Amino acid sequence: MRYSNATNYALHTMVHLMLESGRSSMGVQELAEMQHLSPTYLSKILTKLTKAGLIESTPGAKGGYKISRKKQEISFLDVINAIEGDTSFFECSIHHEDCLIENVMRQSEENMKAELKSKLLIDIAKEAELKQKKEKS
């Protein structure tokens, strides 16, 4: 199982936006440069995050993106679902009642989702901020 590169960039973008929360917003160009991405590619990711209600977009020359929900409420799972969707990883190819293999796979997936839901991006942002401060001193 592997998440797409878009999920990787979305998670990093969200952390960057949380770290820069003192600003009114961050432009797509700046966010793209931070991750060495094309602004066009990052725009597609930002659109998905906006549709999921995790960030909001302000149009115009001074516009950009900012977190739209309470930071303490945004989990890894929220971002992953915004990019990947909320579909099951496994579907039994043999259609029969009560597939024991599918039961194990679904339970494992539910455990993983519960873990990702319990991990908040704000905790990573705070950890990154502390790391930056230590590196500067």
N, C-alpha and C. Protein backbone atom coordinates (compact mmCIF):
# COMPACT_ATOMS: atom_id res chain seq x y z
N MET A 1 0.85 -1.17 0.00
CA MET A 1 0.00 0.00 0.00
C MET A 1 0.90 1.23 0.00
N ARG A 2 0.52 2.18 -0.80
CA ARG A 2 1.32 3.39 -0.92
C ARG A 2 0.40 4.57 -1.21
N TYR A 3 0.64 5.66 -0.50
CA TYR A 3 -0.09 6.88 -0.78
C TYR A 3 0.59 7.60 -1.93
N SER A 4 -0.18 8.40 -2.63
CA SER A 4 0.36 9.13 -3.78
C SER A 4 1.28 10.26 -3.32
N ASN A 5 2.09 10.74 -4.24
CA ASN A 5 2.94 11.90 -3.96
C ASN A 5 2.10 13.11 -3.59
N ALA A 6 0.91 13.20 -4.16
CA ALA A 6 0.02 14.33 -3.85
C ALA A 6 -0.31 14.37 -2.36
N THR A 7 -0.49 13.21 -1.75
CA THR A 7 -0.77 13.16 -0.31
C THR A 7 0.43 13.65 0.48
N ASN A 8 1.60 13.23 0.07
CA ASN A 8 2.84 13.70 0.70
C ASN A 8 2.92 15.23 0.65
N TYR A 9 2.72 15.80 -0.53
CA TYR A 9 2.78 17.25 -0.68
C TYR A 9 1.66 17.96 0.08
N ALA A 10 0.49 17.35 0.11
CA ALA A 10 -0.64 17.96 0.83
C ALA A 10 -0.34 18.03 2.33
N LEU A 11 0.22 16.96 2.88
CA LEU A 11 0.55 16.95 4.31
C LEU A 11 1.61 18.01 4.62
N HIS A 12 2.63 18.10 3.79
CA HIS A 12 3.67 19.11 4.00
C HIS A 12 3.12 20.53 3.84
N THR A 13 2.26 20.72 2.87
CA THR A 13 1.65 22.03 2.65
C THR A 13 0.82 22.44 3.86
N MET A 14 0.05 21.52 4.39
CA MET A 14 -0.77 21.83 5.56
C MET A 14 0.10 22.22 6.75
N VAL A 15 1.20 21.52 6.96
CA VAL A 15 2.10 21.87 8.06
C VAL A 15 2.69 23.26 7.83
N HIS A 16 3.12 23.55 6.60
CA HIS A 16 3.64 24.89 6.28
C HIS A 16 2.60 25.97 6.59
N LEU A 17 1.37 25.73 6.19
CA LEU A 17 0.31 26.71 6.45
C LEU A 17 0.08 26.89 7.95
N MET A 18 0.18 25.82 8.71
CA MET A 18 0.02 25.93 10.16
C MET A 18 1.17 26.71 10.79
N LEU A 19 2.37 26.49 10.28
CA LEU A 19 3.53 27.20 10.82
C LEU A 19 3.49 28.69 10.49
N GLU A 20 2.85 29.04 9.40
CA GLU A 20 2.77 30.44 8.96
C GLU A 20 1.42 31.06 9.30
N SER A 21 0.78 30.57 10.34
CA SER A 21 -0.58 31.03 10.65
C SER A 21 -0.66 32.49 11.06
N GLY A 22 0.48 33.12 11.40
CA GLY A 22 0.48 34.54 11.74
C GLY A 22 0.23 35.41 10.53
N ARG A 23 0.46 34.86 9.36
CA ARG A 23 0.23 35.61 8.12
C ARG A 23 -1.22 35.46 7.69
N SER A 24 -1.67 36.39 6.89
CA SER A 24 -3.06 36.30 6.43
C SER A 24 -3.25 35.13 5.47
N SER A 25 -2.26 34.89 4.59
CA SER A 25 -2.34 33.75 3.67
C SER A 25 -0.98 33.56 2.99
N MET A 26 -0.83 32.43 2.32
CA MET A 26 0.39 32.14 1.56
C MET A 26 0.00 31.85 0.13
N GLY A 27 0.73 32.42 -0.80
CA GLY A 27 0.45 32.22 -2.22
C GLY A 27 0.92 30.86 -2.71
N VAL A 28 0.32 30.40 -3.78
CA VAL A 28 0.66 29.10 -4.35
C VAL A 28 2.11 29.06 -4.80
N GLN A 29 2.62 30.16 -5.34
CA GLN A 29 4.01 30.21 -5.80
C GLN A 29 4.97 29.95 -4.64
N GLU A 30 4.75 30.62 -3.54
CA GLU A 30 5.61 30.45 -2.37
C GLU A 30 5.53 29.03 -1.82
N LEU A 31 4.32 28.50 -1.72
CA LEU A 31 4.14 27.13 -1.23
C LEU A 31 4.81 26.12 -2.16
N ALA A 32 4.69 26.36 -3.45
CA ALA A 32 5.30 25.45 -4.43
C ALA A 32 6.82 25.49 -4.35
N GLU A 33 7.37 26.68 -4.21
CA GLU A 33 8.83 26.82 -4.12
C GLU A 33 9.38 26.12 -2.89
N MET A 34 8.66 26.15 -1.79
CA MET A 34 9.11 25.52 -0.56
C MET A 34 9.30 24.01 -0.75
N GLN A 35 8.52 23.44 -1.66
CA GLN A 35 8.57 21.99 -1.87
C GLN A 35 9.17 21.62 -3.23
N HIS A 36 9.67 22.62 -3.95
CA HIS A 36 10.26 22.40 -5.27
C HIS A 36 9.27 21.73 -6.23
N LEU A 37 8.07 22.30 -6.27
CA LEU A 37 6.99 21.81 -7.12
C LEU A 37 6.58 22.86 -8.13
N SER A 38 5.90 22.41 -9.17
CA SER A 38 5.31 23.38 -10.08
C SER A 38 4.04 23.94 -9.43
N PRO A 39 3.80 25.23 -9.54
CA PRO A 39 2.59 25.83 -8.98
C PRO A 39 1.32 25.20 -9.55
N THR A 40 1.36 24.78 -10.80
CA THR A 40 0.19 24.16 -11.43
C THR A 40 -0.16 22.86 -10.74
N TYR A 41 0.85 22.04 -10.47
CA TYR A 41 0.62 20.75 -9.78
C TYR A 41 0.10 20.99 -8.37
N LEU A 42 0.74 21.93 -7.65
CA LEU A 42 0.30 22.20 -6.28
C LEU A 42 -1.10 22.79 -6.26
N SER A 43 -1.47 23.56 -7.26
CA SER A 43 -2.82 24.13 -7.33
C SER A 43 -3.89 23.05 -7.33
N LYS A 44 -3.63 21.95 -8.01
CA LYS A 44 -4.59 20.84 -8.04
C LYS A 44 -4.76 20.24 -6.64
N ILE A 45 -3.67 20.14 -5.92
CA ILE A 45 -3.71 19.62 -4.54
C ILE A 45 -4.46 20.61 -3.64
N LEU A 46 -4.15 21.88 -3.80
CA LEU A 46 -4.81 22.91 -2.99
C LEU A 46 -6.31 22.96 -3.26
N THR A 47 -6.70 22.70 -4.48
CA THR A 47 -8.13 22.66 -4.82
C THR A 47 -8.83 21.55 -4.04
N LYS A 48 -8.20 20.39 -3.96
CA LYS A 48 -8.79 19.28 -3.21
C LYS A 48 -8.88 19.60 -1.72
N LEU A 49 -7.85 20.23 -1.18
CA LEU A 49 -7.86 20.61 0.23
C LEU A 49 -8.93 21.66 0.51
N THR A 50 -9.13 22.56 -0.45
CA THR A 50 -10.17 23.58 -0.32
C THR A 50 -11.55 22.95 -0.36
N LYS A 51 -11.77 22.04 -1.31
CA LYS A 51 -13.08 21.36 -1.41
C LYS A 51 -13.39 20.56 -0.16
N ALA A 52 -12.35 20.05 0.50
CA ALA A 52 -12.55 19.27 1.73
C ALA A 52 -12.77 20.17 2.94
N GLY A 53 -12.64 21.49 2.75
CA GLY A 53 -12.87 22.43 3.84
C GLY A 53 -11.70 22.56 4.81
N LEU A 54 -10.52 22.10 4.40
CA LEU A 54 -9.35 22.18 5.29
C LEU A 54 -8.64 23.52 5.17
N ILE A 55 -8.68 24.11 3.98
CA ILE A 55 -8.09 25.42 3.74
C ILE A 55 -9.09 26.28 2.99
N GLU A 56 -8.81 27.57 2.96
CA GLU A 56 -9.64 28.46 2.15
C GLU A 56 -8.74 29.29 1.26
N SER A 57 -9.30 29.68 0.16
CA SER A 57 -8.57 30.43 -0.85
C SER A 57 -9.09 31.86 -0.90
N THR A 58 -8.14 32.79 -0.97
CA THR A 58 -8.49 34.20 -1.15
C THR A 58 -7.94 34.63 -2.50
N PRO A 59 -8.82 35.03 -3.42
CA PRO A 59 -8.35 35.42 -4.75
C PRO A 59 -7.69 36.79 -4.74
N GLY A 60 -6.99 37.07 -5.81
CA GLY A 60 -6.40 38.39 -5.99
C GLY A 60 -4.89 38.39 -5.84
N ALA A 61 -4.30 39.54 -6.12
CA ALA A 61 -2.84 39.68 -6.09
C ALA A 61 -2.27 39.41 -4.71
N LYS A 62 -2.97 39.80 -3.68
CA LYS A 62 -2.51 39.56 -2.31
C LYS A 62 -3.18 38.34 -1.70
N GLY A 63 -3.83 37.57 -2.52
CA GLY A 63 -4.55 36.40 -2.05
C GLY A 63 -3.63 35.23 -1.78
N GLY A 64 -4.24 34.11 -1.47
CA GLY A 64 -3.48 32.90 -1.19
C GLY A 64 -4.34 31.91 -0.42
N TYR A 65 -3.67 31.08 0.37
CA TYR A 65 -4.34 30.01 1.09
C TYR A 65 -4.02 30.10 2.57
N LYS A 66 -5.01 29.70 3.38
CA LYS A 66 -4.82 29.62 4.82
C LYS A 66 -5.70 28.51 5.37
N ILE A 67 -5.36 28.06 6.55
CA ILE A 67 -6.14 27.01 7.23
C ILE A 67 -7.53 27.57 7.52
N SER A 68 -8.55 26.78 7.25
CA SER A 68 -9.92 27.28 7.47
C SER A 68 -10.61 26.64 8.67
N ARG A 69 -10.04 25.58 9.19
CA ARG A 69 -10.62 24.93 10.38
C ARG A 69 -9.72 25.14 11.58
N LYS A 70 -10.20 24.79 12.74
CA LYS A 70 -9.36 24.86 13.93
C LYS A 70 -8.21 23.87 13.74
N LYS A 71 -7.01 24.33 13.96
CA LYS A 71 -5.83 23.49 13.75
C LYS A 71 -5.86 22.23 14.60
N GLN A 72 -6.43 22.33 15.78
CA GLN A 72 -6.48 21.20 16.70
C GLN A 72 -7.46 20.11 16.23
N GLU A 73 -8.16 20.37 15.16
CA GLU A 73 -9.16 19.41 14.66
C GLU A 73 -8.73 18.72 13.36
N ILE A 74 -7.57 19.07 12.82
CA ILE A 74 -7.17 18.52 11.52
C ILE A 74 -6.22 17.35 11.72
N SER A 75 -6.68 16.19 11.32
CA SER A 75 -5.88 14.98 11.48
C SER A 75 -5.21 14.59 10.17
N PHE A 76 -4.26 13.68 10.28
CA PHE A 76 -3.63 13.12 9.09
C PHE A 76 -4.70 12.51 8.18
N LEU A 77 -5.67 11.82 8.79
CA LEU A 77 -6.71 11.16 8.00
C LEU A 77 -7.54 12.16 7.21
N ASP A 78 -7.80 13.33 7.77
CA ASP A 78 -8.56 14.36 7.05
C ASP A 78 -7.86 14.73 5.74
N VAL A 79 -6.55 14.93 5.82
CA VAL A 79 -5.79 15.33 4.63
C VAL A 79 -5.71 14.17 3.64
N ILE A 80 -5.46 12.98 4.14
CA ILE A 80 -5.38 11.80 3.27
C ILE A 80 -6.69 11.59 2.53
N ASN A 81 -7.80 11.68 3.25
CA ASN A 81 -9.12 11.50 2.61
C ASN A 81 -9.39 12.60 1.58
N ALA A 82 -8.93 13.81 1.84
CA ALA A 82 -9.13 14.91 0.88
C ALA A 82 -8.44 14.61 -0.43
N ILE A 83 -7.28 13.98 -0.38
CA ILE A 83 -6.50 13.72 -1.59
C ILE A 83 -6.82 12.35 -2.19
N GLU A 84 -6.86 11.33 -1.37
CA GLU A 84 -7.02 9.96 -1.86
C GLU A 84 -8.47 9.51 -1.97
N GLY A 85 -9.36 10.17 -1.24
CA GLY A 85 -10.74 9.71 -1.15
C GLY A 85 -10.86 8.72 0.00
N ASP A 86 -12.06 8.33 0.28
CA ASP A 86 -12.32 7.46 1.43
C ASP A 86 -12.78 6.07 0.97
N THR A 87 -12.06 5.51 0.03
CA THR A 87 -12.42 4.18 -0.45
C THR A 87 -11.59 3.12 0.24
N SER A 88 -12.08 1.93 0.25
CA SER A 88 -11.39 0.81 0.87
C SER A 88 -10.17 0.42 0.03
N PHE A 89 -9.10 0.03 0.71
CA PHE A 89 -7.89 -0.42 0.01
C PHE A 89 -8.06 -1.81 -0.59
N PHE A 90 -8.89 -2.63 0.03
CA PHE A 90 -8.99 -4.03 -0.37
C PHE A 90 -10.44 -4.39 -0.68
N GLU A 91 -10.62 -5.10 -1.78
CA GLU A 91 -11.92 -5.69 -2.11
C GLU A 91 -11.68 -7.12 -2.52
N CYS A 92 -12.41 -8.01 -1.93
CA CYS A 92 -12.26 -9.42 -2.24
C CYS A 92 -12.69 -9.67 -3.69
N SER A 93 -11.82 -10.33 -4.43
CA SER A 93 -12.13 -10.59 -5.84
C SER A 93 -13.03 -11.80 -6.03
N ILE A 94 -13.13 -12.61 -5.00
CA ILE A 94 -14.01 -13.77 -5.04
C ILE A 94 -15.25 -13.41 -4.24
N HIS A 95 -16.36 -13.30 -4.91
CA HIS A 95 -17.58 -12.84 -4.26
C HIS A 95 -18.30 -14.01 -3.61
N HIS A 96 -18.22 -14.02 -2.30
CA HIS A 96 -18.94 -15.01 -1.51
C HIS A 96 -19.28 -14.38 -0.17
N GLU A 97 -20.17 -15.03 0.56
CA GLU A 97 -20.60 -14.46 1.83
C GLU A 97 -19.49 -14.50 2.87
N ASP A 98 -19.40 -13.46 3.64
CA ASP A 98 -18.51 -13.39 4.78
C ASP A 98 -17.09 -13.86 4.46
N CYS A 99 -16.43 -13.15 3.59
CA CYS A 99 -15.05 -13.47 3.21
C CYS A 99 -14.12 -13.21 4.40
N LEU A 100 -13.50 -14.25 4.90
CA LEU A 100 -12.63 -14.15 6.06
C LEU A 100 -11.40 -13.28 5.77
N ILE A 101 -10.89 -13.38 4.58
CA ILE A 101 -9.73 -12.56 4.19
C ILE A 101 -10.13 -11.09 4.18
N GLU A 102 -11.25 -10.79 3.57
CA GLU A 102 -11.71 -9.41 3.52
C GLU A 102 -11.97 -8.86 4.92
N ASN A 103 -12.49 -9.69 5.81
CA ASN A 103 -12.73 -9.25 7.19
C ASN A 103 -11.44 -8.81 7.86
N VAL A 104 -10.37 -9.59 7.69
CA VAL A 104 -9.07 -9.25 8.28
C VAL A 104 -8.55 -7.95 7.67
N MET A 105 -8.63 -7.84 6.36
CA MET A 105 -8.11 -6.64 5.67
C MET A 105 -8.89 -5.39 6.09
N ARG A 106 -10.19 -5.49 6.18
CA ARG A 106 -10.99 -4.32 6.57
C ARG A 106 -10.73 -3.91 8.02
N GLN A 107 -10.56 -4.90 8.89
CA GLN A 107 -10.27 -4.57 10.29
C GLN A 107 -8.92 -3.88 10.40
N SER A 108 -7.94 -4.37 9.64
CA SER A 108 -6.61 -3.74 9.64
C SER A 108 -6.70 -2.31 9.13
N GLU A 109 -7.47 -2.12 8.09
CA GLU A 109 -7.65 -0.78 7.53
C GLU A 109 -8.33 0.15 8.53
N GLU A 110 -9.33 -0.35 9.23
CA GLU A 110 -10.02 0.46 10.24
C GLU A 110 -9.07 0.84 11.37
N ASN A 111 -8.19 -0.08 11.77
CA ASN A 111 -7.20 0.22 12.81
C ASN A 111 -6.26 1.32 12.35
N MET A 112 -5.81 1.23 11.10
CA MET A 112 -4.91 2.23 10.55
C MET A 112 -5.61 3.59 10.47
N LYS A 113 -6.86 3.61 10.03
CA LYS A 113 -7.60 4.86 9.94
C LYS A 113 -7.79 5.49 11.31
N ALA A 114 -8.06 4.67 12.31
CA ALA A 114 -8.23 5.18 13.67
C ALA A 114 -6.93 5.82 14.16
N GLU A 115 -5.81 5.19 13.86
CA GLU A 115 -4.50 5.73 14.25
C GLU A 115 -4.24 7.06 13.54
N LEU A 116 -4.49 7.13 12.24
CA LEU A 116 -4.27 8.36 11.48
C LEU A 116 -5.22 9.48 11.93
N LYS A 117 -6.42 9.10 12.34
CA LYS A 117 -7.37 10.09 12.83
C LYS A 117 -6.92 10.67 14.17
N SER A 118 -6.22 9.86 14.95
CA SER A 118 -5.76 10.32 16.27
C SER A 118 -4.51 11.20 16.18
N LYS A 119 -3.83 11.19 15.05
CA LYS A 119 -2.61 11.98 14.88
C LYS A 119 -2.97 13.32 14.24
N LEU A 120 -2.67 14.40 14.95
CA LEU A 120 -3.03 15.73 14.49
C LEU A 120 -1.84 16.42 13.84
N LEU A 121 -2.11 17.16 12.77
CA LEU A 121 -1.06 17.89 12.07
C LEU A 121 -0.46 19.00 12.93
N ILE A 122 -1.24 19.56 13.82
CA ILE A 122 -0.73 20.64 14.66
C ILE A 122 0.42 20.13 15.53
N ASP A 123 0.36 18.87 15.94
CA ASP A 123 1.45 18.31 16.76
C ASP A 123 2.74 18.24 15.96
N ILE A 124 2.65 17.88 14.69
CA ILE A 124 3.83 17.84 13.82
C ILE A 124 4.33 19.26 13.57
N ALA A 125 3.41 20.19 13.38
CA ALA A 125 3.81 21.59 13.14
C ALA A 125 4.56 22.14 14.36
N LYS A 126 4.07 21.84 15.55
CA LYS A 126 4.75 22.31 16.78
C LYS A 126 6.13 21.66 16.90
N GLU A 127 6.22 20.39 16.59
CA GLU A 127 7.50 19.69 16.64
C GLU A 127 8.49 20.28 15.63
N ALA A 128 8.00 20.58 14.44
CA ALA A 128 8.85 21.19 13.40
C ALA A 128 9.32 22.57 13.83
N GLU A 129 8.43 23.31 14.46
CA GLU A 129 8.78 24.65 14.94
C GLU A 129 9.89 24.58 16.00
N LEU A 130 9.78 23.65 16.92
CA LEU A 130 10.81 23.46 17.94
C LEU A 130 12.14 23.06 17.31
N LYS A 131 12.09 22.20 16.33
CA LYS A 131 13.30 21.75 15.63
C LYS A 131 13.97 22.93 14.94
N GLN A 132 13.17 23.79 14.29
CA GLN A 132 13.72 24.98 13.62
C GLN A 132 14.39 25.91 14.61
N LYS A 133 13.77 26.10 15.76
CA LYS A 133 14.33 26.99 16.79
C LYS A 133 15.66 26.43 17.31
N LYS A 134 15.74 25.13 17.50
CA LYS A 134 16.98 24.50 17.98
C LYS A 134 18.08 24.65 16.95
N GLU A 135 17.73 24.50 15.67
CA GLU A 135 18.73 24.61 14.59
C GLU A 135 19.27 26.02 14.46
N LYS A 136 18.44 27.02 14.78
CA LYS A 136 18.86 28.41 14.67
C LYS A 136 19.76 28.82 15.84
N SER A 137 19.63 28.11 16.97
CA SER A 137 20.45 28.50 18.14
C SER A 137 21.74 27.74 18.24
